[in-house]
Amino acid sequence: MIVVCGEALIDMIYNGDGTQRAAPGGGPFNTARALARLGVPTAFLGHLSQDKFGRELADLLVSDGASLEMATVGPEPTTIALADVGDEGFAEYQFLVQGTSAPNLTLDMLPDHLPREVTALHIGTLGLVLEPMASTIVELVRRERDGRLVMLDPNIRVGLARDAEYRDRLMTLISQSSIVKASDTDLAWLYPERDYKAAIEEILEAGVRLAVVTLGADGAFAGHGDMRVHVAA
């Protein structure tokens, strides 16, 4: 089983033509749904709201086959991401997080220990930014990573946390991860004095077994052991 830790939220999308729509989202939420749809035993570990949006998010996870046994539910309103989509299809985000559901995953909400059948943890995105959720996930990884694969997708969100604290947290989690998948933009922020290939080398030197960087139209680059591979888009 793979446990996906982090946020489930609602993307309020404002399109270039002036229309808007609400869509379920959050990197970990989407990852849990995708894994479950592929038939992989998956559990979502996060904090959901009791409101209409929270119930919708929970129903979608369950309908796709993800377990909510490790998730918690509270009275806070669902976390909202405001997405302004430009003419070229790229979105700029603002987040309404104060007093909302996703950040309020606390240590006391975690199970005492993960079941033996859990072979992997997936972490990333806002789950590594917003407190107390971020500290909770750091502790979960520290406690449960031995004998399990840890996959980190930072999907960096600058401006939601103090840069030095956020960078230190990510560096700690990189050193505790088995797989790191990041964008070239992520790596430019984490390693501002290095190009993406040098950043991949540093990640591998930290003990990561597989490091992948996505390069947009230029495809992707990966490193594992002595192997380096570039794949075209």
C-alpha atoms as a PDB file:
ATOM      1  CA  MET A   1       0.000   0.000   0.000  1.00  0.00           C
ATOM      2  CA  ILE A   2       1.095   3.567  -0.730  1.00  0.00           C
ATOM      3  CA  VAL A   3       0.161   6.275   1.781  1.00  0.00           C
ATOM      4  CA  VAL A   4      -0.187   9.717   0.197  1.00  0.00           C
ATOM      5  CA  CYS A   5       0.220  12.523   2.737  1.00  0.00           C
ATOM      6  CA  GLY A   6      -0.848  16.125   2.271  1.00  0.00           C
ATOM      7  CA  GLU A   7      -3.618  18.414   1.163  1.00  0.00           C
ATOM      8  CA  ALA A   8      -6.948  18.109  -0.562  1.00  0.00           C
ATOM      9  CA  LEU A   9      -8.450  21.429  -1.591  1.00  0.00           C
ATOM     10  CA  ILE A  10     -10.651  23.209  -4.094  1.00  0.00           C
ATOM     11  CA  ASP A  11      -9.169  25.080  -7.055  1.00  0.00           C
ATOM     12  CA  MET A  12     -11.302  28.119  -7.837  1.00  0.00           C
ATOM     13  CA  ILE A  13     -10.297  28.643 -11.455  1.00  0.00           C
ATOM     14  CA  TYR A  14     -10.692  32.020 -13.164  1.00  0.00           C
ATOM     15  CA  ASN A  15     -10.375  31.642 -16.923  1.00  0.00           C
ATOM     16  CA  GLY A  16      -9.113  34.237 -19.359  1.00  0.00           C
ATOM     17  CA  ASP A  17     -12.641  34.719 -20.726  1.00  0.00           C
ATOM     18  CA  GLY A  18     -13.956  35.841 -17.330  1.00  0.00           C
ATOM     19  CA  THR A  19     -15.659  32.572 -16.390  1.00  0.00           C
ATOM     20  CA  GLN A  20     -14.884  30.633 -13.237  1.00  0.00           C
ATOM     21  CA  ARG A  21     -15.363  27.112 -11.906  1.00  0.00           C
ATOM     22  CA  ALA A  22     -14.579  25.083  -8.807  1.00  0.00           C
ATOM     23  CA  ALA A  23     -12.475  21.949  -9.279  1.00  0.00           C
ATOM     24  CA  PRO A  24     -11.143  19.402  -6.766  1.00  0.00           C
ATOM     25  CA  GLY A  25      -7.379  19.591  -6.395  1.00  0.00           C
ATOM     26  CA  GLY A  26      -4.218  19.426  -4.370  1.00  0.00           C
ATOM     27  CA  GLY A  27      -1.132  17.514  -5.491  1.00  0.00           C
ATOM     28  CA  PRO A  28      -1.434  14.692  -2.928  1.00  0.00           C
ATOM     29  CA  PHE A  29      -5.199  14.433  -3.520  1.00  0.00           C
ATOM     30  CA  ASN A  30      -4.631  14.028  -7.263  1.00  0.00           C
ATOM     31  CA  THR A  31      -1.813  11.545  -6.692  1.00  0.00           C
ATOM     32  CA  ALA A  32      -3.944   9.386  -4.396  1.00  0.00           C
ATOM     33  CA  ARG A  33      -6.759   9.315  -6.945  1.00  0.00           C
ATOM     34  CA  ALA A  34      -4.419   8.428  -9.811  1.00  0.00           C
ATOM     35  CA  LEU A  35      -2.757   5.593  -7.891  1.00  0.00           C
ATOM     36  CA  ALA A  36      -6.099   4.179  -6.800  1.00  0.00           C
ATOM     37  CA  ARG A  37      -7.457   4.323 -10.353  1.00  0.00           C
ATOM     38  CA  LEU A  38      -4.446   2.286 -11.463  1.00  0.00           C
ATOM     39  CA  GLY A  39      -5.418  -0.404  -8.982  1.00  0.00           C
ATOM     40  CA  VAL A  40      -2.631   0.357  -6.496  1.00  0.00           C
ATOM     41  CA  PRO A  41      -3.746  -0.038  -2.855  1.00  0.00           C
ATOM     42  CA  THR A  42      -3.702   3.591  -1.698  1.00  0.00           C
ATOM     43  CA  ALA A  43      -4.586   5.495   1.463  1.00  0.00           C
ATOM     44  CA  PHE A  44      -4.953   9.274   1.717  1.00  0.00           C
ATOM     45  CA  LEU A  45      -3.579  10.771   4.928  1.00  0.00           C
ATOM     46  CA  GLY A  46      -4.785  14.336   5.327  1.00  0.00           C
ATOM     47  CA  HIS A  47      -7.325  16.544   7.088  1.00  0.00           C
ATOM     48  CA  LEU A  48     -10.651  17.160   5.332  1.00  0.00           C
ATOM     49  CA  SER A  49     -13.532  19.500   6.053  1.00  0.00           C
ATOM     50  CA  GLN A  50     -17.074  18.550   6.981  1.00  0.00           C
ATOM     51  CA  ASP A  51     -18.418  21.143   4.546  1.00  0.00           C
ATOM     52  CA  LYS A  52     -19.840  20.528   1.072  1.00  0.00           C
ATOM     53  CA  PHE A  53     -16.451  20.761  -0.624  1.00  0.00           C
ATOM     54  CA  GLY A  54     -14.865  18.454   1.935  1.00  0.00           C
ATOM     55  CA  ARG A  55     -17.550  15.836   1.391  1.00  0.00           C
ATOM     56  CA  GLU A  56     -17.052  16.113  -2.370  1.00  0.00           C
ATOM     57  CA  LEU A  57     -13.291  15.575  -1.997  1.00  0.00           C
ATOM     58  CA  ALA A  58     -13.845  12.555   0.250  1.00  0.00           C
ATOM     59  CA  ASP A  59     -16.416  11.057  -2.120  1.00  0.00           C
ATOM     60  CA  LEU A  60     -14.053  11.386  -5.086  1.00  0.00           C
ATOM     61  CA  LEU A  61     -11.224   9.652  -3.232  1.00  0.00           C
ATOM     62  CA  VAL A  62     -13.474   6.794  -2.174  1.00  0.00           C
ATOM     63  CA  SER A  63     -15.096   6.421  -5.602  1.00  0.00           C
ATOM     64  CA  ASP A  64     -11.636   6.060  -7.147  1.00  0.00           C
ATOM     65  CA  GLY A  65     -10.735   3.364  -4.635  1.00  0.00           C
ATOM     66  CA  ALA A  66      -8.541   5.237  -2.135  1.00  0.00           C
ATOM     67  CA  SER A  67      -8.901   4.452   1.563  1.00  0.00           C
ATOM     68  CA  LEU A  68      -9.770   7.232   4.022  1.00  0.00           C
ATOM     69  CA  GLU A  69      -9.056   5.177   7.136  1.00  0.00           C
ATOM     70  CA  MET A  70      -6.048   7.383   7.923  1.00  0.00           C
ATOM     71  CA  ALA A  71      -7.757  10.680   7.047  1.00  0.00           C
ATOM     72  CA  THR A  72      -9.387  12.960   9.608  1.00  0.00           C
ATOM     73  CA  VAL A  73     -12.360  15.310   9.313  1.00  0.00           C
ATOM     74  CA  GLY A  74     -12.960  18.606  11.097  1.00  0.00           C
ATOM     75  CA  PRO A  75     -15.230  21.671  11.160  1.00  0.00           C
ATOM     76  CA  GLU A  76     -12.803  23.995   9.368  1.00  0.00           C
ATOM     77  CA  PRO A  77     -13.818  25.186   5.883  1.00  0.00           C
ATOM     78  CA  THR A  78     -12.077  23.573   2.930  1.00  0.00           C
ATOM     79  CA  THR A  79      -8.808  25.137   1.808  1.00  0.00           C
ATOM     80  CA  ILE A  80      -9.178  27.148  -1.419  1.00  0.00           C
ATOM     81  CA  ALA A  81      -6.639  27.812  -4.179  1.00  0.00           C
ATOM     82  CA  LEU A  82      -7.459  30.754  -6.439  1.00  0.00           C
ATOM     83  CA  ALA A  83      -6.105  29.960  -9.894  1.00  0.00           C
ATOM     84  CA  ASP A  84      -5.937  32.738 -12.484  1.00  0.00           C
ATOM     85  CA  VAL A  85      -5.449  31.069 -15.869  1.00  0.00           C
ATOM     86  CA  GLY A  86      -3.888  33.239 -18.557  1.00  0.00           C
ATOM     87  CA  ASP A  87      -4.410  33.118 -22.312  1.00  0.00           C
ATOM     88  CA  GLU A  88      -1.561  30.609 -22.724  1.00  0.00           C
ATOM     89  CA  GLY A  89      -3.079  28.211 -20.204  1.00  0.00           C
ATOM     90  CA  PHE A  90      -0.652  28.835 -17.340  1.00  0.00           C
ATOM     91  CA  ALA A  91      -2.091  29.469 -13.872  1.00  0.00           C
ATOM     92  CA  GLU A  92      -0.994  31.847 -11.127  1.00  0.00           C
ATOM     93  CA  TYR A  93      -2.107  30.750  -7.662  1.00  0.00           C
ATOM     94  CA  GLN A  94      -3.155  32.443  -4.457  1.00  0.00           C
ATOM     95  CA  PHE A  95      -4.173  30.350  -1.465  1.00  0.00           C
ATOM     96  CA  LEU A  96      -6.838  30.908   1.197  1.00  0.00           C
ATOM     97  CA  VAL A  97      -5.390  28.836   4.025  1.00  0.00           C
ATOM     98  CA  GLN A  98      -5.887  30.647   7.332  1.00  0.00           C
ATOM     99  CA  GLY A  99      -8.248  28.632   9.534  1.00  0.00           C
ATOM    100  CA  THR A 100      -8.981  26.083   6.805  1.00  0.00           C
ATOM    101  CA  SER A 101      -8.900  22.297   6.802  1.00  0.00           C
ATOM    102  CA  ALA A 102      -5.757  21.149   4.982  1.00  0.00           C
ATOM    103  CA  PRO A 103      -3.089  22.766   7.208  1.00  0.00           C
ATOM    104  CA  ASN A 104      -4.633  21.379  10.394  1.00  0.00           C
ATOM    105  CA  LEU A 105      -3.157  17.895  10.202  1.00  0.00           C
ATOM    106  CA  THR A 106      -1.541  17.505  13.625  1.00  0.00           C
ATOM    107  CA  LEU A 107       0.635  14.841  15.246  1.00  0.00           C
ATOM    108  CA  ASP A 108      -2.198  13.562  17.428  1.00  0.00           C
ATOM    109  CA  MET A 109      -4.199  12.769  14.279  1.00  0.00           C
ATOM    110  CA  LEU A 110      -1.574  10.324  12.992  1.00  0.00           C
ATOM    111  CA  PRO A 111      -1.992   6.599  13.582  1.00  0.00           C
ATOM    112  CA  ASP A 112       0.349   5.243  16.266  1.00  0.00           C
ATOM    113  CA  HIS A 113       2.190   3.410  13.506  1.00  0.00           C
ATOM    114  CA  LEU A 114       1.601   2.613   9.862  1.00  0.00           C
ATOM    115  CA  PRO A 115       0.464  -0.920   8.994  1.00  0.00           C
ATOM    116  CA  ARG A 116       3.044  -3.391   7.718  1.00  0.00           C
ATOM    117  CA  GLU A 117       1.414  -3.445   4.301  1.00  0.00           C
ATOM    118  CA  VAL A 118       2.425   0.202   3.770  1.00  0.00           C
ATOM    119  CA  THR A 119       5.480  -0.014   1.518  1.00  0.00           C
ATOM    120  CA  ALA A 120       5.747   3.611   0.391  1.00  0.00           C
ATOM    121  CA  LEU A 121       5.002   7.196   1.424  1.00  0.00           C
ATOM    122  CA  HIS A 122       4.315   9.994  -1.052  1.00  0.00           C
ATOM    123  CA  ILE A 123       4.754  13.586   0.169  1.00  0.00           C
ATOM    124  CA  GLY A 124       4.895  17.052  -1.370  1.00  0.00           C
ATOM    125  CA  THR A 125       3.327  20.363  -2.392  1.00  0.00           C
ATOM    126  CA  LEU A 126       1.481  22.384   0.298  1.00  0.00           C
ATOM    127  CA  GLY A 127       1.919  19.524   2.743  1.00  0.00           C
ATOM    128  CA  LEU A 128       5.519  20.670   3.135  1.00  0.00           C
ATOM    129  CA  VAL A 129       4.658  24.366   3.512  1.00  0.00           C
ATOM    130  CA  LEU A 130       1.635  24.899   5.731  1.00  0.00           C
ATOM    131  CA  GLU A 131       1.805  24.407   9.481  1.00  0.00           C
ATOM    132  CA  PRO A 132       1.109  22.340  11.485  1.00  0.00           C
ATOM    133  CA  MET A 133       0.755  19.910   8.556  1.00  0.00           C
ATOM    134  CA  ALA A 134       4.361  20.387   7.397  1.00  0.00           C
ATOM    135  CA  SER A 135       5.903  19.526  10.775  1.00  0.00           C
ATOM    136  CA  THR A 136       3.512  16.591  11.098  1.00  0.00           C
ATOM    137  CA  ILE A 137       4.652  15.140   7.780  1.00  0.00           C
ATOM    138  CA  VAL A 138       8.325  15.670   8.663  1.00  0.00           C
ATOM    139  CA  GLU A 139       7.779  13.670  11.857  1.00  0.00           C
ATOM    140  CA  LEU A 140       5.819  10.974  10.010  1.00  0.00           C
ATOM    141  CA  VAL A 141       8.667  10.493   7.528  1.00  0.00           C
ATOM    142  CA  ARG A 142      11.284  10.429  10.291  1.00  0.00           C
ATOM    143  CA  ARG A 143       9.285   7.832  12.209  1.00  0.00           C
ATOM    144  CA  GLU A 144       8.135   5.592   9.372  1.00  0.00           C
ATOM    145  CA  ARG A 145      10.719   5.751   6.573  1.00  0.00           C
ATOM    146  CA  ASP A 146      12.879   2.795   7.611  1.00  0.00           C
ATOM    147  CA  GLY A 147      12.151  -0.128   5.298  1.00  0.00           C
ATOM    148  CA  ARG A 148       9.825   1.973   3.127  1.00  0.00           C
ATOM    149  CA  LEU A 149      10.209   3.949  -0.069  1.00  0.00           C
ATOM    150  CA  VAL A 150       9.691   7.706   0.349  1.00  0.00           C
ATOM    151  CA  MET A 151       8.796   9.700  -2.771  1.00  0.00           C
ATOM    152  CA  LEU A 152       9.078  13.512  -2.617  1.00  0.00           C
ATOM    153  CA  ASP A 153       7.481  15.898  -5.132  1.00  0.00           C
ATOM    154  CA  PRO A 154       8.205  19.393  -3.748  1.00  0.00           C
ATOM    155  CA  ASN A 155       6.116  21.406  -6.255  1.00  0.00           C
ATOM    156  CA  ILE A 156       7.516  24.469  -4.510  1.00  0.00           C
ATOM    157  CA  ARG A 157       5.169  27.237  -3.395  1.00  0.00           C
ATOM    158  CA  VAL A 158       7.229  30.336  -2.648  1.00  0.00           C
ATOM    159  CA  GLY A 159       5.648  32.993  -0.440  1.00  0.00           C
ATOM    160  CA  LEU A 160       3.612  30.680   1.784  1.00  0.00           C
ATOM    161  CA  ALA A 161       6.471  30.069   4.229  1.00  0.00           C
ATOM    162  CA  ARG A 162       9.686  31.777   5.249  1.00  0.00           C
ATOM    163  CA  ASP A 163      12.224  30.877   2.583  1.00  0.00           C
ATOM    164  CA  ALA A 164      15.037  29.736   4.897  1.00  0.00           C
ATOM    165  CA  GLU A 165      12.743  27.547   6.991  1.00  0.00           C
ATOM    166  CA  TYR A 166      11.047  26.087   3.919  1.00  0.00           C
ATOM    167  CA  ARG A 167      14.359  25.365   2.189  1.00  0.00           C
ATOM    168  CA  ASP A 168      15.797  23.696   5.304  1.00  0.00           C
ATOM    169  CA  ARG A 169      12.708  21.491   5.618  1.00  0.00           C
ATOM    170  CA  LEU A 170      12.923  20.431   1.987  1.00  0.00           C
ATOM    171  CA  MET A 171      16.635  19.674   2.264  1.00  0.00           C
ATOM    172  CA  THR A 172      15.978  17.494   5.310  1.00  0.00           C
ATOM    173  CA  LEU A 173      13.244  15.591   3.500  1.00  0.00           C
ATOM    174  CA  ILE A 174      15.363  15.178   0.369  1.00  0.00           C
ATOM    175  CA  SER A 175      18.029  13.465   2.479  1.00  0.00           C
ATOM    176  CA  GLN A 176      15.355  11.084   3.823  1.00  0.00           C
ATOM    177  CA  SER A 177      13.736  10.301   0.458  1.00  0.00           C
ATOM    178  CA  SER A 178      14.241   7.414  -1.945  1.00  0.00           C
ATOM    179  CA  ILE A 179      12.844   9.206  -5.010  1.00  0.00           C
ATOM    180  CA  VAL A 180      12.740  12.946  -5.707  1.00  0.00           C
ATOM    181  CA  LYS A 181      10.790  14.323  -8.652  1.00  0.00           C
ATOM    182  CA  ALA A 182      11.066  18.075  -9.192  1.00  0.00           C
ATOM    183  CA  SER A 183      10.666  20.651 -11.930  1.00  0.00           C
ATOM    184  CA  ASP A 184      13.544  22.739 -13.231  1.00  0.00           C
ATOM    185  CA  THR A 185      11.874  25.709 -11.512  1.00  0.00           C
ATOM    186  CA  ASP A 186      11.866  23.826  -8.201  1.00  0.00           C
ATOM    187  CA  LEU A 187      15.575  23.064  -8.521  1.00  0.00           C
ATOM    188  CA  ALA A 188      16.426  26.646  -9.491  1.00  0.00           C
ATOM    189  CA  TRP A 189      14.867  27.817  -6.220  1.00  0.00           C
ATOM    190  CA  LEU A 190      16.429  25.078  -4.087  1.00  0.00           C
ATOM    191  CA  TYR A 191      19.884  25.272  -5.702  1.00  0.00           C
ATOM    192  CA  PRO A 192      20.122  28.819  -7.116  1.00  0.00           C
ATOM    193  CA  GLU A 193      23.847  28.584  -7.920  1.00  0.00           C
ATOM    194  CA  ARG A 194      23.601  25.307  -9.860  1.00  0.00           C
ATOM    195  CA  ASP A 195      22.090  24.203 -13.133  1.00  0.00           C
ATOM    196  CA  TYR A 196      19.624  21.325 -13.039  1.00  0.00           C
ATOM    197  CA  LYS A 197      22.246  18.664 -13.769  1.00  0.00           C
ATOM    198  CA  ALA A 198      24.459  19.833 -10.915  1.00  0.00           C
ATOM    199  CA  ALA A 199      21.398  19.968  -8.653  1.00  0.00           C
ATOM    200  CA  ILE A 200      20.555  16.364  -9.553  1.00  0.00           C
ATOM    201  CA  GLU A 201      24.104  15.341  -8.600  1.00  0.00           C
ATOM    202  CA  GLU A 202      23.746  17.009  -5.206  1.00  0.00           C
ATOM    203  CA  ILE A 203      20.417  15.288  -4.607  1.00  0.00           C
ATOM    204  CA  LEU A 204      21.921  11.904  -5.441  1.00  0.00           C
ATOM    205  CA  GLU A 205      24.889  12.604  -3.165  1.00  0.00           C
ATOM    206  CA  ALA A 206      22.382  13.161  -0.331  1.00  0.00           C
ATOM    207  CA  GLY A 207      21.416   9.484  -0.625  1.00  0.00           C
ATOM    208  CA  VAL A 208      18.437   9.676  -2.983  1.00  0.00           C
ATOM    209  CA  ARG A 209      18.215   6.592  -5.209  1.00  0.00           C
ATOM    210  CA  LEU A 210      16.360   8.168  -8.140  1.00  0.00           C
ATOM    211  CA  ALA A 211      16.160  11.881  -8.986  1.00  0.00           C
ATOM    212  CA  VAL A 212      14.014  13.196 -11.839  1.00  0.00           C
ATOM    213  CA  VAL A 213      13.680  16.757 -13.109  1.00  0.00           C
ATOM    214  CA  THR A 214      10.954  17.780 -15.543  1.00  0.00           C
ATOM    215  CA  LEU A 215      12.033  20.348 -18.138  1.00  0.00           C
ATOM    216  CA  GLY A 216       8.779  21.391 -19.769  1.00  0.00           C
ATOM    217  CA  ALA A 217       9.108  21.353 -23.549  1.00  0.00           C
ATOM    218  CA  ASP A 218      12.637  19.953 -23.176  1.00  0.00           C
ATOM    219  CA  GLY A 219      11.412  16.689 -21.641  1.00  0.00           C
ATOM    220  CA  ALA A 220      12.943  15.249 -18.481  1.00  0.00           C
ATOM    221  CA  PHE A 221      16.314  14.269 -17.024  1.00  0.00           C
ATOM    222  CA  ALA A 222      16.922  11.508 -14.482  1.00  0.00           C
ATOM    223  CA  GLY A 223      19.783  10.175 -12.424  1.00  0.00           C
ATOM    224  CA  HIS A 224      20.113   6.799 -10.697  1.00  0.00           C
ATOM    225  CA  GLY A 225      23.449   5.466  -9.493  1.00  0.00           C
ATOM    226  CA  ASP A 226      25.873   6.002 -12.383  1.00  0.00           C
ATOM    227  CA  MET A 227      23.104   6.312 -14.978  1.00  0.00           C
ATOM    228  CA  ARG A 228      21.977   9.653 -16.434  1.00  0.00           C
ATOM    229  CA  VAL A 229      19.109   9.741 -18.933  1.00  0.00           C
ATOM    230  CA  HIS A 230      17.449  12.533 -20.894  1.00  0.00           C
ATOM    231  CA  VAL A 231      14.016  11.890 -22.402  1.00  0.00           C
ATOM    232  CA  ALA A 232      12.530  14.203 -25.016  1.00  0.00           C
ATOM    233  CA  ALA A 233       9.094  15.700 -24.475  1.00  0.00           C
END
